[in-house]
């Protein structure tokens, strides 16, 4: 089925892996292109040419589900959205994400963009190994300049032990959730 914004788990995983390889730092400045700023859906309303640090972009993606920031980061890391999507699908294959195919880094509805609950669990397991990812997806609220972003994952407030991960919604997908919680030394996705 369409995965909506839980697609951004893959976008963040690839970004965290680029950080681990030293290709970027959290202080790297990311510029919003005309294209990235035109995404629609949930976004922080980046202006074309506006710059935020990669750290700020990641928080906007994780907490605010910012489509504009997801595309801006993808373009920065791979040159184009299409090149980043190729990386997404290659990494999905490496993770054994059968019956999954990505068409964009944001999760906006697009024919051929799909995944399964099992595949998303495999993806999330890989992503949760990264401390910065865990911190980002477990954040309830952040302020980026004049922007105040609140996480849509209400389990972070209401479910003891909830520590992430990502919500999503599009017309084609409906409401989507990948969640994780830890209790008694055990984490479940």
C-alpha atoms as a PDB file:
ATOM      1  CA  UNK A   1       0.000   0.000   0.000  1.00  0.00           C
ATOM      2  CA  UNK A   2       0.993   3.651  -0.231  1.00  0.00           C
ATOM      3  CA  UNK A   3       3.196   4.442   2.801  1.00  0.00           C
ATOM      4  CA  UNK A   4       2.611   8.220   2.940  1.00  0.00           C
ATOM      5  CA  UNK A   5       5.094  10.077   5.168  1.00  0.00           C
ATOM      6  CA  UNK A   6       6.517   6.975   6.812  1.00  0.00           C
ATOM      7  CA  UNK A   7       8.558   7.023   3.596  1.00  0.00           C
ATOM      8  CA  UNK A   8      10.636   9.645   5.398  1.00  0.00           C
ATOM      9  CA  UNK A   9      12.090   6.891   7.602  1.00  0.00           C
ATOM     10  CA  UNK A  10      14.096   5.826   4.539  1.00  0.00           C
ATOM     11  CA  UNK A  11      14.981   9.439   3.746  1.00  0.00           C
ATOM     12  CA  UNK A  12      16.276   9.906   7.289  1.00  0.00           C
ATOM     13  CA  UNK A  13      18.101   6.548   7.302  1.00  0.00           C
ATOM     14  CA  UNK A  14      20.023   7.449   4.151  1.00  0.00           C
ATOM     15  CA  UNK A  15      20.820  10.840   5.646  1.00  0.00           C
ATOM     16  CA  UNK A  16      22.074   9.277   8.889  1.00  0.00           C
ATOM     17  CA  UNK A  17      24.248   6.887   6.894  1.00  0.00           C
ATOM     18  CA  UNK A  18      25.706   9.839   4.931  1.00  0.00           C
ATOM     19  CA  UNK A  19      26.477  11.479   8.284  1.00  0.00           C
ATOM     20  CA  UNK A  20      28.200   8.306   9.513  1.00  0.00           C
ATOM     21  CA  UNK A  21      30.340   8.203   6.338  1.00  0.00           C
ATOM     22  CA  UNK A  22      31.353  11.849   6.864  1.00  0.00           C
ATOM     23  CA  UNK A  23      29.751  13.059   3.621  1.00  0.00           C
ATOM     24  CA  UNK A  24      27.881  15.752   5.576  1.00  0.00           C
ATOM     25  CA  UNK A  25      27.724  17.055   9.132  1.00  0.00           C
ATOM     26  CA  UNK A  26      24.771  18.245  11.164  1.00  0.00           C
ATOM     27  CA  UNK A  27      26.062  21.783  10.541  1.00  0.00           C
ATOM     28  CA  UNK A  28      26.011  21.394   6.735  1.00  0.00           C
ATOM     29  CA  UNK A  29      23.809  24.096   5.246  1.00  0.00           C
ATOM     30  CA  UNK A  30      20.985  22.797   3.035  1.00  0.00           C
ATOM     31  CA  UNK A  31      19.325  25.147   0.558  1.00  0.00           C
ATOM     32  CA  UNK A  32      15.676  24.869  -0.419  1.00  0.00           C
ATOM     33  CA  UNK A  33      15.372  24.726  -4.211  1.00  0.00           C
ATOM     34  CA  UNK A  34      12.361  26.030  -6.142  1.00  0.00           C
ATOM     35  CA  UNK A  35      11.352  22.410  -6.667  1.00  0.00           C
ATOM     36  CA  UNK A  36      11.724  21.387  -3.005  1.00  0.00           C
ATOM     37  CA  UNK A  37       9.715  24.409  -1.898  1.00  0.00           C
ATOM     38  CA  UNK A  38       6.873  23.484  -4.262  1.00  0.00           C
ATOM     39  CA  UNK A  39       6.080  20.081  -2.709  1.00  0.00           C
ATOM     40  CA  UNK A  40       2.780  20.861  -1.048  1.00  0.00           C
ATOM     41  CA  UNK A  41       1.257  18.702   1.628  1.00  0.00           C
ATOM     42  CA  UNK A  42       2.840  18.992   5.050  1.00  0.00           C
ATOM     43  CA  UNK A  43       5.783  21.352   4.987  1.00  0.00           C
ATOM     44  CA  UNK A  44       7.467  24.156   6.902  1.00  0.00           C
ATOM     45  CA  UNK A  45       7.072  26.553   3.972  1.00  0.00           C
ATOM     46  CA  UNK A  46      10.729  26.912   3.048  1.00  0.00           C
ATOM     47  CA  UNK A  47      11.369  29.819   0.737  1.00  0.00           C
ATOM     48  CA  UNK A  48      13.446  29.121  -2.397  1.00  0.00           C
ATOM     49  CA  UNK A  49      17.062  29.819  -1.481  1.00  0.00           C
ATOM     50  CA  UNK A  50      16.388  29.589   2.268  1.00  0.00           C
ATOM     51  CA  UNK A  51      19.034  27.660   4.161  1.00  0.00           C
ATOM     52  CA  UNK A  52      18.798  25.537   7.280  1.00  0.00           C
ATOM     53  CA  UNK A  53      21.378  23.244   8.831  1.00  0.00           C
ATOM     54  CA  UNK A  54      21.051  19.546   8.154  1.00  0.00           C
ATOM     55  CA  UNK A  55      20.219  19.131  11.848  1.00  0.00           C
ATOM     56  CA  UNK A  56      17.298  21.552  11.495  1.00  0.00           C
ATOM     57  CA  UNK A  57      16.140  19.867   8.289  1.00  0.00           C
ATOM     58  CA  UNK A  58      16.197  16.438   9.946  1.00  0.00           C
ATOM     59  CA  UNK A  59      14.153  17.715  12.876  1.00  0.00           C
ATOM     60  CA  UNK A  60      11.667  19.319  10.483  1.00  0.00           C
ATOM     61  CA  UNK A  61      11.370  15.988   8.640  1.00  0.00           C
ATOM     62  CA  UNK A  62      11.033  13.863  11.790  1.00  0.00           C
ATOM     63  CA  UNK A  63       8.817  16.156  13.874  1.00  0.00           C
ATOM     64  CA  UNK A  64       7.035  18.330  11.318  1.00  0.00           C
ATOM     65  CA  UNK A  65       6.942  15.757   8.497  1.00  0.00           C
ATOM     66  CA  UNK A  66       8.208  18.492   6.171  1.00  0.00           C
ATOM     67  CA  UNK A  67       7.978  17.397   2.534  1.00  0.00           C
ATOM     68  CA  UNK A  68       9.950  20.458   1.410  1.00  0.00           C
ATOM     69  CA  UNK A  69      12.827  19.594   3.746  1.00  0.00           C
ATOM     70  CA  UNK A  70      12.807  15.906   2.727  1.00  0.00           C
ATOM     71  CA  UNK A  71      13.265  16.885  -0.916  1.00  0.00           C
ATOM     72  CA  UNK A  72      15.870  19.575  -0.117  1.00  0.00           C
ATOM     73  CA  UNK A  73      17.959  17.042   1.820  1.00  0.00           C
ATOM     74  CA  UNK A  74      17.558  14.440  -0.944  1.00  0.00           C
ATOM     75  CA  UNK A  75      18.717  16.936  -3.570  1.00  0.00           C
ATOM     76  CA  UNK A  76      21.696  17.940  -1.438  1.00  0.00           C
ATOM     77  CA  UNK A  77      22.816  14.362  -0.832  1.00  0.00           C
ATOM     78  CA  UNK A  78      22.312  12.954  -4.329  1.00  0.00           C
ATOM     79  CA  UNK A  79      22.146  15.974  -6.648  1.00  0.00           C
ATOM     80  CA  UNK A  80      18.582  15.275  -7.748  1.00  0.00           C
ATOM     81  CA  UNK A  81      15.458  13.773  -6.261  1.00  0.00           C
ATOM     82  CA  UNK A  82      15.570  11.006  -8.892  1.00  0.00           C
ATOM     83  CA  UNK A  83      19.131  10.034  -7.950  1.00  0.00           C
ATOM     84  CA  UNK A  84      18.152   9.933  -4.271  1.00  0.00           C
ATOM     85  CA  UNK A  85      15.152   7.731  -5.061  1.00  0.00           C
ATOM     86  CA  UNK A  86      17.528   5.292  -6.773  1.00  0.00           C
ATOM     87  CA  UNK A  87      19.493   5.161  -3.508  1.00  0.00           C
ATOM     88  CA  UNK A  88      16.267   4.606  -1.565  1.00  0.00           C
ATOM     89  CA  UNK A  89      15.329   1.608  -3.696  1.00  0.00           C
ATOM     90  CA  UNK A  90      18.848   0.167  -3.595  1.00  0.00           C
ATOM     91  CA  UNK A  91      18.913   0.425   0.199  1.00  0.00           C
ATOM     92  CA  UNK A  92      15.435  -1.112   0.412  1.00  0.00           C
ATOM     93  CA  UNK A  93      16.714  -4.107  -1.556  1.00  0.00           C
ATOM     94  CA  UNK A  94      19.726  -4.414   0.778  1.00  0.00           C
ATOM     95  CA  UNK A  95      17.396  -4.425   3.788  1.00  0.00           C
ATOM     96  CA  UNK A  96      15.219  -7.162   2.256  1.00  0.00           C
ATOM     97  CA  UNK A  97      12.221  -4.857   1.906  1.00  0.00           C
ATOM     98  CA  UNK A  98      10.236  -7.058  -0.449  1.00  0.00           C
ATOM     99  CA  UNK A  99       7.176  -5.600  -2.169  1.00  0.00           C
ATOM    100  CA  UNK A 100       8.450  -2.047  -1.707  1.00  0.00           C
ATOM    101  CA  UNK A 101       9.231   0.651  -4.221  1.00  0.00           C
ATOM    102  CA  UNK A 102       9.858   4.333  -3.615  1.00  0.00           C
ATOM    103  CA  UNK A 103       9.154   7.131  -6.092  1.00  0.00           C
ATOM    104  CA  UNK A 104       9.967  10.140  -3.888  1.00  0.00           C
ATOM    105  CA  UNK A 105      11.594  10.965  -0.523  1.00  0.00           C
ATOM    106  CA  UNK A 106       8.489  12.562   1.013  1.00  0.00           C
ATOM    107  CA  UNK A 107       5.756   9.944   0.635  1.00  0.00           C
ATOM    108  CA  UNK A 108       3.401  12.051  -1.431  1.00  0.00           C
ATOM    109  CA  UNK A 109       1.004   9.906  -3.466  1.00  0.00           C
ATOM    110  CA  UNK A 110       2.518   8.615  -6.672  1.00  0.00           C
ATOM    111  CA  UNK A 111       1.748   5.553  -8.780  1.00  0.00           C
ATOM    112  CA  UNK A 112       4.293   2.847  -8.040  1.00  0.00           C
ATOM    113  CA  UNK A 113       5.127   4.149  -4.535  1.00  0.00           C
ATOM    114  CA  UNK A 114       4.315   1.315  -2.107  1.00  0.00           C
ATOM    115  CA  UNK A 115       5.495  -0.820   0.779  1.00  0.00           C
ATOM    116  CA  UNK A 116       4.303  -3.355   3.355  1.00  0.00           C
ATOM    117  CA  UNK A 117       4.099  -3.366   7.145  1.00  0.00           C
ATOM    118  CA  UNK A 118       6.873  -5.986   7.326  1.00  0.00           C
ATOM    119  CA  UNK A 119       9.147  -4.026   5.010  1.00  0.00           C
ATOM    120  CA  UNK A 120       8.620  -0.838   7.004  1.00  0.00           C
ATOM    121  CA  UNK A 121       9.436  -2.727  10.203  1.00  0.00           C
ATOM    122  CA  UNK A 122      12.725  -3.904   8.659  1.00  0.00           C
ATOM    123  CA  UNK A 123      13.503  -0.342   7.626  1.00  0.00           C
ATOM    124  CA  UNK A 124      12.654   1.019  11.056  1.00  0.00           C
ATOM    125  CA  UNK A 125      14.801  -1.591  12.806  1.00  0.00           C
ATOM    126  CA  UNK A 126      17.795  -0.455  10.748  1.00  0.00           C
ATOM    127  CA  UNK A 127      17.057   3.225  11.365  1.00  0.00           C
ATOM    128  CA  UNK A 128      16.585   2.827  15.128  1.00  0.00           C
ATOM    129  CA  UNK A 129      20.195   1.626  15.414  1.00  0.00           C
ATOM    130  CA  UNK A 130      21.204   5.269  14.909  1.00  0.00           C
ATOM    131  CA  UNK A 131      21.119   7.428  18.072  1.00  0.00           C
ATOM    132  CA  UNK A 132      20.464  10.664  16.157  1.00  0.00           C
ATOM    133  CA  UNK A 133      17.524   9.033  14.387  1.00  0.00           C
ATOM    134  CA  UNK A 134      16.097   7.804  17.697  1.00  0.00           C
ATOM    135  CA  UNK A 135      16.411  11.280  19.177  1.00  0.00           C
ATOM    136  CA  UNK A 136      14.762  12.948  16.179  1.00  0.00           C
ATOM    137  CA  UNK A 137      11.749  10.631  15.954  1.00  0.00           C
ATOM    138  CA  UNK A 138      11.219  10.725  19.714  1.00  0.00           C
ATOM    139  CA  UNK A 139      11.040  14.532  19.825  1.00  0.00           C
ATOM    140  CA  UNK A 140       7.611  15.913  20.713  1.00  0.00           C
ATOM    141  CA  UNK A 141       8.083  19.606  19.840  1.00  0.00           C
ATOM    142  CA  UNK A 142      10.781  21.815  18.402  1.00  0.00           C
ATOM    143  CA  UNK A 143      11.229  25.442  17.491  1.00  0.00           C
ATOM    144  CA  UNK A 144      13.125  26.328  14.320  1.00  0.00           C
ATOM    145  CA  UNK A 145      13.456  30.103  14.274  1.00  0.00           C
ATOM    146  CA  UNK A 146       9.866  31.344  14.267  1.00  0.00           C
ATOM    147  CA  UNK A 147       8.474  27.910  13.341  1.00  0.00           C
ATOM    148  CA  UNK A 148       7.035  25.747  16.115  1.00  0.00           C
ATOM    149  CA  UNK A 149       6.616  22.116  15.068  1.00  0.00           C
ATOM    150  CA  UNK A 150       4.693  19.486  17.000  1.00  0.00           C
ATOM    151  CA  UNK A 151       5.007  15.772  16.344  1.00  0.00           C
ATOM    152  CA  UNK A 152       1.806  14.178  15.008  1.00  0.00           C
ATOM    153  CA  UNK A 153       2.630  10.914  16.797  1.00  0.00           C
ATOM    154  CA  UNK A 154       0.337  11.226  19.823  1.00  0.00           C
ATOM    155  CA  UNK A 155       1.673   7.969  21.238  1.00  0.00           C
ATOM    156  CA  UNK A 156       4.723   9.960  22.380  1.00  0.00           C
ATOM    157  CA  UNK A 157       2.429  11.728  24.855  1.00  0.00           C
ATOM    158  CA  UNK A 158      -0.045   8.974  25.672  1.00  0.00           C
ATOM    159  CA  UNK A 159       1.699   5.602  25.610  1.00  0.00           C
ATOM    160  CA  UNK A 160       4.275   4.816  28.322  1.00  0.00           C
ATOM    161  CA  UNK A 161       7.547   3.857  26.667  1.00  0.00           C
ATOM    162  CA  UNK A 162       6.661   5.187  23.205  1.00  0.00           C
ATOM    163  CA  UNK A 163       9.813   6.516  21.550  1.00  0.00           C
ATOM    164  CA  UNK A 164       8.913   7.051  17.883  1.00  0.00           C
ATOM    165  CA  UNK A 165       8.692   6.678  14.948  1.00  0.00           C
ATOM    166  CA  UNK A 166       6.628   8.318  12.165  1.00  0.00           C
ATOM    167  CA  UNK A 167       3.059   9.085  11.162  1.00  0.00           C
ATOM    168  CA  UNK A 168       1.706   9.759   7.720  1.00  0.00           C
ATOM    169  CA  UNK A 169      -1.409  10.657   5.823  1.00  0.00           C
ATOM    170  CA  UNK A 170      -2.377  11.044   2.199  1.00  0.00           C
ATOM    171  CA  UNK A 171      -5.688  10.462   0.471  1.00  0.00           C
ATOM    172  CA  UNK A 172      -4.454   7.293  -1.199  1.00  0.00           C
ATOM    173  CA  UNK A 173      -2.730   5.912   1.903  1.00  0.00           C
ATOM    174  CA  UNK A 174      -5.124   7.022   4.603  1.00  0.00           C
ATOM    175  CA  UNK A 175      -3.635   7.256   8.087  1.00  0.00           C
ATOM    176  CA  UNK A 176      -0.331   5.422   8.466  1.00  0.00           C
ATOM    177  CA  UNK A 177       1.799   4.786  11.539  1.00  0.00           C
ATOM    178  CA  UNK A 178       5.089   3.092  12.253  1.00  0.00           C
ATOM    179  CA  UNK A 179       5.619   3.128  15.994  1.00  0.00           C
ATOM    180  CA  UNK A 180       8.100   1.821  18.513  1.00  0.00           C
ATOM    181  CA  UNK A 181       8.104   1.541  22.276  1.00  0.00           C
ATOM    182  CA  UNK A 182      10.501   0.281  24.907  1.00  0.00           C
ATOM    183  CA  UNK A 183       9.569  -1.262  28.223  1.00  0.00           C
ATOM    184  CA  UNK A 184      11.545  -3.480  30.547  1.00  0.00           C
ATOM    185  CA  UNK A 185      14.590  -3.500  28.290  1.00  0.00           C
ATOM    186  CA  UNK A 186      12.612  -4.661  25.259  1.00  0.00           C
ATOM    187  CA  UNK A 187      11.802  -2.569  22.190  1.00  0.00           C
ATOM    188  CA  UNK A 188       8.985  -3.437  19.804  1.00  0.00           C
ATOM    189  CA  UNK A 189       8.270  -1.944  16.385  1.00  0.00           C
END
